[in-house]
C-alpha atoms as a PDB file:
ATOM      1  CA  MET A   1       4.876  43.985   5.371  1.00  0.00           C
ATOM      2  CA  LYS A   2       4.048  40.821   7.341  1.00  0.00           C
ATOM      3  CA  GLY A   3       2.662  39.286   4.105  1.00  0.00           C
ATOM      4  CA  PHE A   4       5.960  40.106   2.215  1.00  0.00           C
ATOM      5  CA  ARG A   5       7.946  38.577   5.042  1.00  0.00           C
ATOM      6  CA  ASN A   6       5.864  35.420   5.018  1.00  0.00           C
ATOM      7  CA  HIS A   7       6.295  35.175   1.194  1.00  0.00           C
ATOM      8  CA  GLY A   8       9.965  35.555   1.566  1.00  0.00           C
ATOM      9  CA  LEU A   9      10.143  32.911   4.267  1.00  0.00           C
ATOM     10  CA  ILE A  10       8.084  30.527   2.161  1.00  0.00           C
ATOM     11  CA  GLY A  11      10.361  31.185  -0.841  1.00  0.00           C
ATOM     12  CA  SER A  12      13.439  30.425   1.253  1.00  0.00           C
ATOM     13  CA  VAL A  13      11.945  27.143   2.567  1.00  0.00           C
ATOM     14  CA  CYS A  14      11.004  26.087  -0.957  1.00  0.00           C
ATOM     15  CA  SER A  15      14.447  26.999  -2.278  1.00  0.00           C
ATOM     16  CA  PHE A  16      16.006  24.931   0.506  1.00  0.00           C
ATOM     17  CA  ALA A  17      13.797  21.973  -0.205  1.00  0.00           C
ATOM     18  CA  ALA A  18      14.681  22.210  -3.937  1.00  0.00           C
ATOM     19  CA  ALA A  19      18.424  22.301  -3.057  1.00  0.00           C
ATOM     20  CA  VAL A  20      18.050  19.241  -0.799  1.00  0.00           C
ATOM     21  CA  THR A  21      16.095  17.368  -3.501  1.00  0.00           C
ATOM     22  CA  LEU A  22      18.717  18.101  -6.097  1.00  0.00           C
ATOM     23  CA  ALA A  23      21.416  16.980  -3.785  1.00  0.00           C
ATOM     24  CA  ALA A  24      19.681  13.852  -2.901  1.00  0.00           C
ATOM     25  CA  ALA A  25      19.241  12.993  -6.666  1.00  0.00           C
ATOM     26  CA  VAL A  26      22.750  13.945  -7.723  1.00  0.00           C
ATOM     27  CA  THR A  27      24.732  12.372  -4.844  1.00  0.00           C
ATOM     28  CA  PRO A  28      24.051   8.682  -5.619  1.00  0.00           C
ATOM     29  CA  ILE A  29      24.918   9.243  -9.258  1.00  0.00           C
ATOM     30  CA  VAL A  30      28.240  10.902  -8.323  1.00  0.00           C
ATOM     31  CA  ILE A  31      28.949   8.009  -5.916  1.00  0.00           C
ATOM     32  CA  LEU A  32      28.209   5.490  -8.646  1.00  0.00           C
ATOM     33  CA  LEU A  33      30.371   7.293 -11.177  1.00  0.00           C
ATOM     34  CA  VAL A  34      33.312   7.523  -8.708  1.00  0.00           C
ATOM     35  CA  GLN A  35      32.996   3.916  -7.592  1.00  0.00           C
ATOM     36  CA  ALA A  36      32.743   2.668 -11.207  1.00  0.00           C
ATOM     37  CA  GLY A  37      36.197   4.295 -11.862  1.00  0.00           C
ATOM     38  CA  GLY A  38      37.592   3.139 -15.188  1.00  0.00           C
ATOM     39  CA  VAL A  39      35.299   0.244 -15.728  1.00  0.00           C
ATOM     40  CA  LEU A  40      32.933   2.065 -17.967  1.00  0.00           C
ATOM     41  CA  ASP A  41      33.927   1.680 -21.614  1.00  0.00           C
ATOM     42  CA  PHE A  42      32.662   0.087 -24.790  1.00  0.00           C
ATOM     43  CA  GLY A  43      34.174  -3.257 -23.917  1.00  0.00           C
ATOM     44  CA  PHE A  44      32.155  -3.345 -20.669  1.00  0.00           C
ATOM     45  CA  LEU A  45      28.988  -2.616 -22.551  1.00  0.00           C
ATOM     46  CA  VAL A  46      29.399  -5.491 -25.028  1.00  0.00           C
ATOM     47  CA  GLY A  47      31.348  -7.860 -22.835  1.00  0.00           C
ATOM     48  CA  THR A  48      29.942 -10.880 -21.054  1.00  0.00           C
ATOM     49  CA  PRO A  49      30.148 -11.924 -17.332  1.00  0.00           C
ATOM     50  CA  SER A  50      33.332 -13.592 -16.192  1.00  0.00           C
ATOM     51  CA  ARG A  51      34.904 -14.876 -13.036  1.00  0.00           C
ATOM     52  CA  PHE A  52      37.556 -12.172 -13.391  1.00  0.00           C
ATOM     53  CA  ALA A  53      36.428  -8.659 -12.741  1.00  0.00           C
ATOM     54  CA  ALA A  54      38.769  -7.166 -15.304  1.00  0.00           C
ATOM     55  CA  GLN A  55      37.177  -9.251 -18.139  1.00  0.00           C
ATOM     56  CA  ALA A  56      33.527  -8.973 -17.122  1.00  0.00           C
ATOM     57  CA  GLY A  57      30.872  -7.089 -19.179  1.00  0.00           C
ATOM     58  CA  VAL A  58      27.230  -6.207 -19.060  1.00  0.00           C
ATOM     59  CA  GLY A  59      26.311  -7.001 -22.670  1.00  0.00           C
ATOM     60  CA  PRO A  60      23.773  -9.800 -22.006  1.00  0.00           C
ATOM     61  CA  ALA A  61      22.188  -8.051 -19.033  1.00  0.00           C
ATOM     62  CA  LEU A  62      21.743  -4.874 -21.144  1.00  0.00           C
ATOM     63  CA  ALA A  63      20.087  -6.884 -23.919  1.00  0.00           C
ATOM     64  CA  GLY A  64      17.895  -8.725 -21.475  1.00  0.00           C
ATOM     65  CA  THR A  65      16.689  -5.366 -20.050  1.00  0.00           C
ATOM     66  CA  LEU A  66      15.867  -4.026 -23.493  1.00  0.00           C
ATOM     67  CA  TRP A  67      13.826  -7.170 -24.207  1.00  0.00           C
ATOM     68  CA  LEU A  68      12.024  -6.934 -20.842  1.00  0.00           C
ATOM     69  CA  THR A  69      11.242  -3.199 -21.405  1.00  0.00           C
ATOM     70  CA  LEU A  70       9.832  -3.863 -24.917  1.00  0.00           C
ATOM     71  CA  LEU A  71       7.797  -6.801 -23.694  1.00  0.00           C
ATOM     72  CA  THR A  72       6.440  -4.943 -20.730  1.00  0.00           C
ATOM     73  CA  ALA A  73       5.337  -1.981 -22.887  1.00  0.00           C
ATOM     74  CA  ALA A  74       3.801  -4.280 -25.395  1.00  0.00           C
ATOM     75  CA  LEU A  75       1.800  -6.259 -22.860  1.00  0.00           C
ATOM     76  CA  ALA A  76       0.885  -3.699 -20.252  1.00  0.00           C
ATOM     77  CA  CYS A  77       0.252  -0.505 -22.269  1.00  0.00           C
ATOM     78  CA  PRO A  78      -2.602  -1.647 -24.620  1.00  0.00           C
ATOM     79  CA  VAL A  79      -4.427  -3.523 -21.704  1.00  0.00           C
ATOM     80  CA  GLY A  80      -3.807  -0.721 -19.178  1.00  0.00           C
ATOM     81  CA  VAL A  81      -4.988   2.069 -21.517  1.00  0.00           C
ATOM     82  CA  GLY A  82      -7.915   0.086 -22.719  1.00  0.00           C
ATOM     83  CA  ALA A  83      -8.954  -0.577 -19.075  1.00  0.00           C
ATOM     84  CA  ALA A  84      -8.502   3.144 -18.089  1.00  0.00           C
ATOM     85  CA  VAL A  85     -10.759   4.142 -21.069  1.00  0.00           C
ATOM     86  CA  TYR A  86     -13.411   1.758 -19.843  1.00  0.00           C
ATOM     87  CA  PHE A  87     -13.233   2.992 -16.288  1.00  0.00           C
ATOM     88  CA  ALA A  88     -13.288   6.705 -17.178  1.00  0.00           C
ATOM     89  CA  GLU A  89     -15.703   6.729 -20.103  1.00  0.00           C
ATOM     90  CA  TYR A  90     -17.959   3.592 -20.186  1.00  0.00           C
ATOM     91  CA  ALA A  91     -18.180   1.923 -16.691  1.00  0.00           C
ATOM     92  CA  PRO A  92     -21.299   2.646 -14.650  1.00  0.00           C
ATOM     93  CA  ARG A  93     -20.659   4.423 -11.434  1.00  0.00           C
ATOM     94  CA  THR A  94     -21.744   1.373  -9.280  1.00  0.00           C
ATOM     95  CA  ARG A  95     -20.303   0.179  -6.043  1.00  0.00           C
ATOM     96  CA  ALA A  96     -18.823  -2.952  -7.905  1.00  0.00           C
ATOM     97  CA  VAL A  97     -16.965  -0.794 -10.357  1.00  0.00           C
ATOM     98  CA  GLN A  98     -15.745   1.618  -7.585  1.00  0.00           C
ATOM     99  CA  ALA A  99     -14.450  -1.397  -5.575  1.00  0.00           C
ATOM    100  CA  ILE A 100     -12.621  -2.706  -8.671  1.00  0.00           C
ATOM    101  CA  GLU A 101     -11.049   0.706  -9.258  1.00  0.00           C
ATOM    102  CA  SER A 102      -9.936   0.825  -5.591  1.00  0.00           C
ATOM    103  CA  ALA A 103      -8.388  -2.572  -5.896  1.00  0.00           C
ATOM    104  CA  VAL A 104      -6.475  -1.652  -8.965  1.00  0.00           C
ATOM    105  CA  SER A 105      -5.253   1.527  -7.291  1.00  0.00           C
ATOM    106  CA  ASN A 106      -4.043  -0.488  -4.312  1.00  0.00           C
ATOM    107  CA  LEU A 107      -2.239  -2.931  -6.555  1.00  0.00           C
ATOM    108  CA  ALA A 108      -0.033  -0.033  -7.713  1.00  0.00           C
ATOM    109  CA  GLY A 109       1.420   0.070  -4.224  1.00  0.00           C
ATOM    110  CA  VAL A 110       1.939  -3.670  -3.872  1.00  0.00           C
ATOM    111  CA  PRO A 111       5.707  -4.579  -3.355  1.00  0.00           C
ATOM    112  CA  PRO A 112       7.379  -5.898  -6.567  1.00  0.00           C
ATOM    113  CA  LEU A 113       8.349  -9.059  -4.691  1.00  0.00           C
ATOM    114  CA  VAL A 114       4.671 -10.183  -4.540  1.00  0.00           C
ATOM    115  CA  PHE A 115       4.413  -9.919  -8.318  1.00  0.00           C
ATOM    116  CA  GLY A 116       7.529 -12.033  -8.504  1.00  0.00           C
ATOM    117  CA  VAL A 117       5.976 -14.831  -6.468  1.00  0.00           C
ATOM    118  CA  THR A 118       2.808 -14.652  -8.665  1.00  0.00           C
ATOM    119  CA  GLY A 119       4.943 -14.824 -11.750  1.00  0.00           C
ATOM    120  CA  LEU A 120       6.910 -17.752 -10.459  1.00  0.00           C
ATOM    121  CA  ALA A 121       3.672 -19.721  -9.729  1.00  0.00           C
ATOM    122  CA  LEU A 122       1.707 -18.684 -12.770  1.00  0.00           C
ATOM    123  CA  TYR A 123       4.266 -18.335 -15.604  1.00  0.00           C
ATOM    124  CA  VAL A 124       7.459 -20.163 -14.691  1.00  0.00           C
ATOM    125  CA  ARG A 125       5.819 -23.149 -13.171  1.00  0.00           C
ATOM    126  CA  GLY A 126       2.047 -22.972 -14.108  1.00  0.00           C
ATOM    127  CA  LEU A 127       2.497 -22.456 -17.794  1.00  0.00           C
ATOM    128  CA  GLY A 128       5.961 -24.097 -17.907  1.00  0.00           C
ATOM    129  CA  LEU A 129       7.809 -21.077 -19.464  1.00  0.00           C
ATOM    130  CA  GLY A 130      10.680 -21.509 -17.104  1.00  0.00           C
ATOM    131  CA  PRO A 131      12.980 -18.624 -16.141  1.00  0.00           C
ATOM    132  CA  THR A 132      12.865 -17.053 -19.558  1.00  0.00           C
ATOM    133  CA  VAL A 133      12.708 -13.524 -20.986  1.00  0.00           C
ATOM    134  CA  LEU A 134       8.992 -14.084 -21.766  1.00  0.00           C
ATOM    135  CA  ALA A 135       8.143 -15.096 -18.229  1.00  0.00           C
ATOM    136  CA  GLY A 136      10.061 -12.080 -16.908  1.00  0.00           C
ATOM    137  CA  GLY A 137       8.203  -9.695 -19.321  1.00  0.00           C
ATOM    138  CA  LEU A 138       4.887 -11.147 -18.239  1.00  0.00           C
ATOM    139  CA  THR A 139       5.705 -10.720 -14.669  1.00  0.00           C
ATOM    140  CA  LEU A 140       6.848  -7.119 -15.109  1.00  0.00           C
ATOM    141  CA  ALA A 141       3.757  -6.388 -17.184  1.00  0.00           C
ATOM    142  CA  MET A 142       1.609  -7.398 -14.134  1.00  0.00           C
ATOM    143  CA  LEU A 143       3.778  -4.955 -12.056  1.00  0.00           C
ATOM    144  CA  ALA A 144       3.373  -2.121 -14.519  1.00  0.00           C
ATOM    145  CA  LEU A 145      -0.341  -2.597 -15.289  1.00  0.00           C
ATOM    146  CA  PRO A 146      -1.890  -0.984 -12.252  1.00  0.00           C
ATOM    147  CA  THR A 147       0.204   2.130 -12.634  1.00  0.00           C
ATOM    148  CA  VAL A 148      -0.681   2.456 -16.298  1.00  0.00           C
ATOM    149  CA  VAL A 149      -4.370   2.069 -15.544  1.00  0.00           C
ATOM    150  CA  VAL A 150      -4.489   4.550 -12.641  1.00  0.00           C
ATOM    151  CA  THR A 151      -2.381   7.302 -14.350  1.00  0.00           C
ATOM    152  CA  SER A 152      -4.186   6.826 -17.795  1.00  0.00           C
ATOM    153  CA  LYS A 153      -7.612   7.008 -16.083  1.00  0.00           C
ATOM    154  CA  GLU A 154      -6.702  10.241 -14.282  1.00  0.00           C
ATOM    155  CA  ALA A 155      -5.264  11.754 -17.509  1.00  0.00           C
ATOM    156  CA  ILE A 156      -8.559  10.953 -19.397  1.00  0.00           C
ATOM    157  CA  ARG A 157     -10.761  12.327 -16.613  1.00  0.00           C
ATOM    158  CA  GLN A 158      -8.824  15.558 -16.526  1.00  0.00           C
ATOM    159  CA  VAL A 159      -9.856  16.369 -20.173  1.00  0.00           C
ATOM    160  CA  PRO A 160     -12.356  19.291 -19.765  1.00  0.00           C
ATOM    161  CA  ALA A 161     -15.969  18.378 -20.090  1.00  0.00           C
ATOM    162  CA  GLY A 162     -16.413  21.235 -22.555  1.00  0.00           C
ATOM    163  CA  VAL A 163     -14.311  19.357 -25.099  1.00  0.00           C
ATOM    164  CA  ARG A 164     -16.769  16.460 -25.061  1.00  0.00           C
ATOM    165  CA  ALA A 165     -19.769  18.782 -24.963  1.00  0.00           C
ATOM    166  CA  ALA A 166     -18.584  20.702 -28.091  1.00  0.00           C
ATOM    167  CA  ALA A 167     -17.908  17.547 -29.956  1.00  0.00           C
ATOM    168  CA  TYR A 168     -21.325  16.086 -29.148  1.00  0.00           C
ATOM    169  CA  ALA A 169     -22.956  19.421 -30.212  1.00  0.00           C
ATOM    170  CA  LEU A 170     -21.354  19.056 -33.594  1.00  0.00           C
ATOM    171  CA  GLY A 171     -22.944  15.667 -34.012  1.00  0.00           C
ATOM    172  CA  ALA A 172     -19.966  13.383 -33.176  1.00  0.00           C
ATOM    173  CA  THR A 173     -20.614   9.915 -31.816  1.00  0.00           C
ATOM    174  CA  ARG A 174     -19.249   8.764 -28.477  1.00  0.00           C
ATOM    175  CA  TRP A 175     -16.427   6.712 -30.218  1.00  0.00           C
ATOM    176  CA  GLU A 176     -15.534   9.787 -32.376  1.00  0.00           C
ATOM    177  CA  VAL A 177     -15.399  11.979 -29.319  1.00  0.00           C
ATOM    178  CA  LEU A 178     -13.083   9.589 -27.551  1.00  0.00           C
ATOM    179  CA  ARG A 179     -10.858   8.875 -30.549  1.00  0.00           C
ATOM    180  CA  ARG A 180     -10.571  12.410 -31.962  1.00  0.00           C
ATOM    181  CA  GLN A 181     -10.903  14.581 -28.845  1.00  0.00           C
ATOM    182  CA  VAL A 182     -10.387  12.881 -25.525  1.00  0.00           C
ATOM    183  CA  LEU A 183      -7.473  10.540 -26.315  1.00  0.00           C
ATOM    184  CA  PRO A 184      -5.443  13.126 -28.142  1.00  0.00           C
ATOM    185  CA  ALA A 185      -5.902  15.563 -25.260  1.00  0.00           C
ATOM    186  CA  ALA A 186      -5.016  12.964 -22.611  1.00  0.00           C
ATOM    187  CA  ALA A 187      -2.101  11.479 -24.637  1.00  0.00           C
ATOM    188  CA  PRO A 188       0.702  13.424 -22.958  1.00  0.00           C
ATOM    189  CA  GLY A 189      -0.574  12.359 -19.406  1.00  0.00           C
ATOM    190  CA  ILE A 190      -1.024   8.727 -20.502  1.00  0.00           C
ATOM    191  CA  LEU A 191       2.564   8.784 -21.957  1.00  0.00           C
ATOM    192  CA  THR A 192       3.920  10.198 -18.622  1.00  0.00           C
ATOM    193  CA  GLY A 193       2.143   7.297 -16.697  1.00  0.00           C
ATOM    194  CA  VAL A 194       3.430   4.656 -19.060  1.00  0.00           C
ATOM    195  CA  THR A 195       6.975   6.087 -18.691  1.00  0.00           C
ATOM    196  CA  LEU A 196       6.774   5.932 -14.923  1.00  0.00           C
ATOM    197  CA  ALA A 197       5.544   2.363 -15.079  1.00  0.00           C
ATOM    198  CA  LEU A 198       8.310   1.237 -17.402  1.00  0.00           C
ATOM    199  CA  ALA A 199      10.952   2.997 -15.370  1.00  0.00           C
ATOM    200  CA  ARG A 200       9.683   1.231 -12.146  1.00  0.00           C
ATOM    201  CA  THR A 201       9.760  -2.239 -13.854  1.00  0.00           C
ATOM    202  CA  ALA A 202      13.139  -1.660 -15.622  1.00  0.00           C
ATOM    203  CA  GLY A 203      14.853  -1.185 -12.238  1.00  0.00           C
ATOM    204  CA  ALA A 204      12.950  -3.909 -10.344  1.00  0.00           C
ATOM    205  CA  ALA A 205      15.267  -6.746  -9.197  1.00  0.00           C
ATOM    206  CA  ALA A 206      13.079  -8.619  -6.719  1.00  0.00           C
ATOM    207  CA  PRO A 207      10.522 -10.176  -9.118  1.00  0.00           C
ATOM    208  CA  LEU A 208      13.253 -11.297 -11.516  1.00  0.00           C
ATOM    209  CA  LEU A 209      15.262 -12.871  -8.815  1.00  0.00           C
ATOM    210  CA  VAL A 210      12.245 -14.698  -7.554  1.00  0.00           C
ATOM    211  CA  ILE A 211      11.388 -16.272 -10.941  1.00  0.00           C
ATOM    212  CA  GLY A 212      15.006 -17.366 -11.364  1.00  0.00           C
ATOM    213  CA  ALA A 213      16.945 -14.750 -13.345  1.00  0.00           C
ATOM    214  CA  ALA A 214      20.436 -15.863 -14.133  1.00  0.00           C
ATOM    215  CA  SER A 215      23.577 -13.805 -13.459  1.00  0.00           C
ATOM    216  CA  PHE A 216      26.185 -15.658 -15.500  1.00  0.00           C
ATOM    217  CA  ILE A 217      25.069 -16.049 -19.146  1.00  0.00           C
ATOM    218  CA  THR A 218      27.725 -15.517 -21.835  1.00  0.00           C
ATOM    219  CA  TYR A 219      25.369 -14.727 -24.606  1.00  0.00           C
ATOM    220  CA  ALA A 220      22.671 -11.965 -25.167  1.00  0.00           C
ATOM    221  CA  PRO A 221      19.095 -13.126 -25.262  1.00  0.00           C
ATOM    222  CA  ALA A 222      17.973 -13.247 -28.938  1.00  0.00           C
ATOM    223  CA  THR A 223      14.380 -14.447 -28.417  1.00  0.00           C
ATOM    224  CA  PRO A 224      11.743 -14.296 -25.630  1.00  0.00           C
ATOM    225  CA  GLY A 225      12.281 -17.975 -25.019  1.00  0.00           C
ATOM    226  CA  ASP A 226      15.980 -17.428 -23.992  1.00  0.00           C
ATOM    227  CA  LEU A 227      17.133 -17.554 -20.370  1.00  0.00           C
ATOM    228  CA  LEU A 228      16.237 -14.424 -18.346  1.00  0.00           C
ATOM    229  CA  VAL A 229      19.100 -11.973 -17.493  1.00  0.00           C
ATOM    230  CA  ALA A 230      18.753  -8.276 -16.636  1.00  0.00           C
ATOM    231  CA  LEU A 231      20.759  -5.324 -15.335  1.00  0.00           C
ATOM    232  CA  PRO A 232      19.095  -5.197 -11.937  1.00  0.00           C
ATOM    233  CA  THR A 233      19.843  -8.748 -11.187  1.00  0.00           C
ATOM    234  CA  GLN A 234      23.294  -8.407 -12.517  1.00  0.00           C
ATOM    235  CA  VAL A 235      23.937  -5.516 -10.219  1.00  0.00           C
ATOM    236  CA  PHE A 236      22.617  -7.653  -7.214  1.00  0.00           C
ATOM    237  CA  ALA A 237      24.920 -10.595  -8.214  1.00  0.00           C
ATOM    238  CA  TRP A 238      28.036  -8.476  -8.595  1.00  0.00           C
ATOM    239  CA  SER A 239      27.452  -6.524  -5.437  1.00  0.00           C
ATOM    240  CA  ALA A 240      27.085  -9.713  -3.416  1.00  0.00           C
ATOM    241  CA  ARG A 241      30.546 -10.955  -4.517  1.00  0.00           C
ATOM    242  CA  SER A 242      33.504 -10.126  -2.120  1.00  0.00           C
ATOM    243  CA  GLN A 243      36.260 -10.368  -4.692  1.00  0.00           C
ATOM    244  CA  PRO A 244      37.964  -7.107  -5.535  1.00  0.00           C
ATOM    245  CA  GLY A 245      36.755  -5.378  -8.501  1.00  0.00           C
ATOM    246  CA  PHE A 246      33.162  -6.625  -8.570  1.00  0.00           C
ATOM    247  CA  ALA A 247      31.973  -3.634  -6.467  1.00  0.00           C
ATOM    248  CA  ALA A 248      33.152  -1.339  -9.316  1.00  0.00           C
ATOM    249  CA  LEU A 249      31.412  -3.584 -11.793  1.00  0.00           C
ATOM    250  CA  ALA A 250      28.088  -3.450  -9.911  1.00  0.00           C
ATOM    251  CA  ALA A 251      28.381   0.523  -9.738  1.00  0.00           C
ATOM    252  CA  ALA A 252      29.151   0.633 -13.442  1.00  0.00           C
ATOM    253  CA  ALA A 253      26.159  -1.556 -14.247  1.00  0.00           C
ATOM    254  CA  GLY A 254      24.090   0.726 -12.176  1.00  0.00           C
ATOM    255  CA  VAL A 255      25.226   3.732 -14.216  1.00  0.00           C
ATOM    256  CA  VAL A 256      24.275   1.900 -17.379  1.00  0.00           C
ATOM    257  CA  LEU A 257      20.819   1.214 -16.011  1.00  0.00           C
ATOM    258  CA  LEU A 258      20.383   4.971 -14.983  1.00  0.00           C
ATOM    259  CA  ALA A 259      21.511   5.953 -18.513  1.00  0.00           C
ATOM    260  CA  LEU A 260      18.906   3.670 -19.952  1.00  0.00           C
ATOM    261  CA  LEU A 261      16.248   5.176 -17.776  1.00  0.00           C
ATOM    262  CA  LEU A 262      17.444   8.655 -18.732  1.00  0.00           C
ATOM    263  CA  VAL A 263      17.169   7.751 -22.464  1.00  0.00           C
ATOM    264  CA  LEU A 264      13.580   6.483 -21.827  1.00  0.00           C
ATOM    265  CA  HIS A 265      12.572   9.675 -20.017  1.00  0.00           C
ATOM    266  CA  LEU A 266      14.186  12.004 -22.688  1.00  0.00           C
ATOM    267  CA  ALA A 267      12.355  10.059 -25.459  1.00  0.00           C
ATOM    268  CA  SER A 268       9.096  10.255 -23.501  1.00  0.00           C
ATOM    269  CA  LEU A 269       9.567  14.028 -22.976  1.00  0.00           C
ATOM    270  CA  ALA A 270      10.205  14.633 -26.670  1.00  0.00           C
ATOM    271  CA  LEU A 271       7.161  12.573 -27.709  1.00  0.00           C
ATOM    272  CA  ARG A 272       5.039  14.264 -24.909  1.00  0.00           C
ATOM    273  CA  ARG A 273       5.836  17.647 -26.259  1.00  0.00           C
ATOM    274  CA  ARG A 274       5.045  16.553 -29.848  1.00  0.00           C
ATOM    275  CA  LEU A 275       1.742  15.025 -28.674  1.00  0.00           C
ATOM    276  CA  ALA A 276       0.847  18.244 -26.654  1.00  0.00           C
ATOM    277  CA  GLY A 277       1.616  20.376 -29.789  1.00  0.00           C
ATOM    278  CA  ALA A 278      -0.575  18.187 -31.985  1.00  0.00           C
ATOM    279  CA  ALA A 279      -3.473  18.438 -29.488  1.00  0.00           C
ATOM    280  CA  ARG A 280      -3.518  22.158 -29.540  1.00  0.00           C
END
């Protein structure tokens, strides 16, 4: 009977924790929706910033965030997954390699502001790119890279050793085992890590503010060489203004950013299920 009572107590505690977690996740979204009021409409999504809150829109910032997400994925994912494959499958287990792996893991916890300072010195001023979408994409790629490496490495190492052994027993080479067995089995975990990294960078305002992201651009970026603008920095700019109406604009832009992240996660979930089904 005592075991049953303990089981019931643990279940109650877990249920309470789940309820608190759900409330903590839903409450900010509800507050944003209430604060946004009637601002959210098609005109807001395609409109441009304005001195007047009633005429302002988030079109350029939304386009800039899409550009940054694509650039970050294109720059960080191949390098990060390649590094993870090396660490998990090819790197010798020496102290030097272990020190490098530990350093990469620690970089995943570095504040985004630090990457912004690095991007300012390296890309904006060092390479002379200026506060452009390309400089922002390179900076966010540095921010995403450690997370991609760590999560992808763990996903590869979680593939059962029996899978490798069976493939080797059939005469497969190391590359064939990696390409046809290990990577397909680890693909869902790798995709989850990539999604988490992109979600972190898509909502990061600090590094973009440091490298000089604009908040008043009346055109959507068309190339990576255009001036940098993004949803997180637009939210920051509007929330800092004291004029009536801009608080609602900041909340509405926050809702748009959350919706973009939701689409990213749903697409990742659908692709993850497809990859998991193909790997069986």
